[in-house]
Protein backbone atom coordinates (compact mmCIF):
# COMPACT_ATOMS: atom_id res chain seq x y z
CA UNK A 1 54.70 3.30 25.86
CA UNK A 2 53.55 3.46 22.23
CA UNK A 3 53.29 6.59 20.07
CA UNK A 4 50.91 6.84 17.12
CA UNK A 5 51.21 9.40 14.32
CA UNK A 6 48.25 9.41 11.96
CA UNK A 7 47.15 6.09 13.46
CA UNK A 8 50.47 4.43 12.57
CA UNK A 9 52.72 3.23 15.43
CA UNK A 10 56.16 4.83 15.52
CA UNK A 11 59.37 2.93 16.24
CA UNK A 12 61.10 3.91 19.51
CA UNK A 13 64.77 4.76 18.89
CA UNK A 14 65.74 6.14 22.32
CA UNK A 15 64.01 6.72 25.65
CA UNK A 16 65.85 8.16 28.63
CA UNK A 17 67.68 11.09 30.12
CA UNK A 18 68.85 14.12 28.15
CA UNK A 19 71.91 16.23 28.87
CA UNK A 20 69.76 18.52 31.06
CA UNK A 21 68.92 17.52 34.66
CA UNK A 22 65.29 16.46 35.12
CA UNK A 23 64.54 16.30 31.38
CA UNK A 24 63.68 12.98 29.73
CA UNK A 25 63.49 12.54 25.97
CA UNK A 26 61.90 10.07 23.57
CA UNK A 27 63.12 9.71 19.97
CA UNK A 28 60.91 7.97 17.40
CA UNK A 29 61.19 7.03 13.74
CA UNK A 30 58.27 7.90 11.45
CA UNK A 31 57.82 5.37 8.66
CA UNK A 32 55.91 7.96 6.62
CA UNK A 33 53.05 5.55 5.91
CA UNK A 34 50.08 7.79 5.24
CA UNK A 35 51.00 10.38 7.86
CA UNK A 36 50.64 13.66 5.95
CA UNK A 37 48.09 16.43 5.67
CA UNK A 38 46.87 19.47 7.56
CA UNK A 39 45.69 17.68 10.72
CA UNK A 40 47.81 14.59 11.46
CA UNK A 41 47.02 13.33 15.00
CA UNK A 42 49.71 12.29 17.48
CA UNK A 43 48.80 10.25 20.57
CA UNK A 44 50.74 8.35 23.24
CA UNK A 45 49.43 5.19 24.90
CA UNK A 46 50.86 3.91 28.18
CA UNK A 47 49.22 0.73 29.44
CA UNK A 48 45.54 1.45 28.86
CA UNK A 49 45.82 5.25 29.24
CA UNK A 50 45.65 7.44 26.12
CA UNK A 51 47.21 10.92 26.19
CA UNK A 52 45.61 14.07 24.90
CA UNK A 53 45.76 14.08 21.11
CA UNK A 54 47.60 16.87 19.31
CA UNK A 55 47.66 17.54 15.56
CA UNK A 56 50.51 18.56 13.27
CA UNK A 57 50.56 19.81 9.67
CA UNK A 58 52.91 17.43 7.84
CA UNK A 59 53.98 17.81 4.20
CA UNK A 60 56.37 15.19 2.74
CA UNK A 61 59.43 17.00 1.41
CA UNK A 62 58.59 20.23 3.27
CA UNK A 63 56.87 23.33 1.92
CA UNK A 64 53.33 24.57 2.38
CA UNK A 65 50.22 22.40 2.52
CA UNK A 66 47.63 23.07 -0.17
């Protein structure tokens, strides 16, 4: 599995079970390379299958996007 945020691959930190039965979690590290703006796409690729793409508003340092 590979996760892309703004077209940049994220580094997998943890993949596995959570403390809740039946819930799996994935933790990733964002390098921050160019992934900011009002519509930053996030997609997951497993093998040759691409997930639905969602978008996030991301502002370095927090605050509102202008």
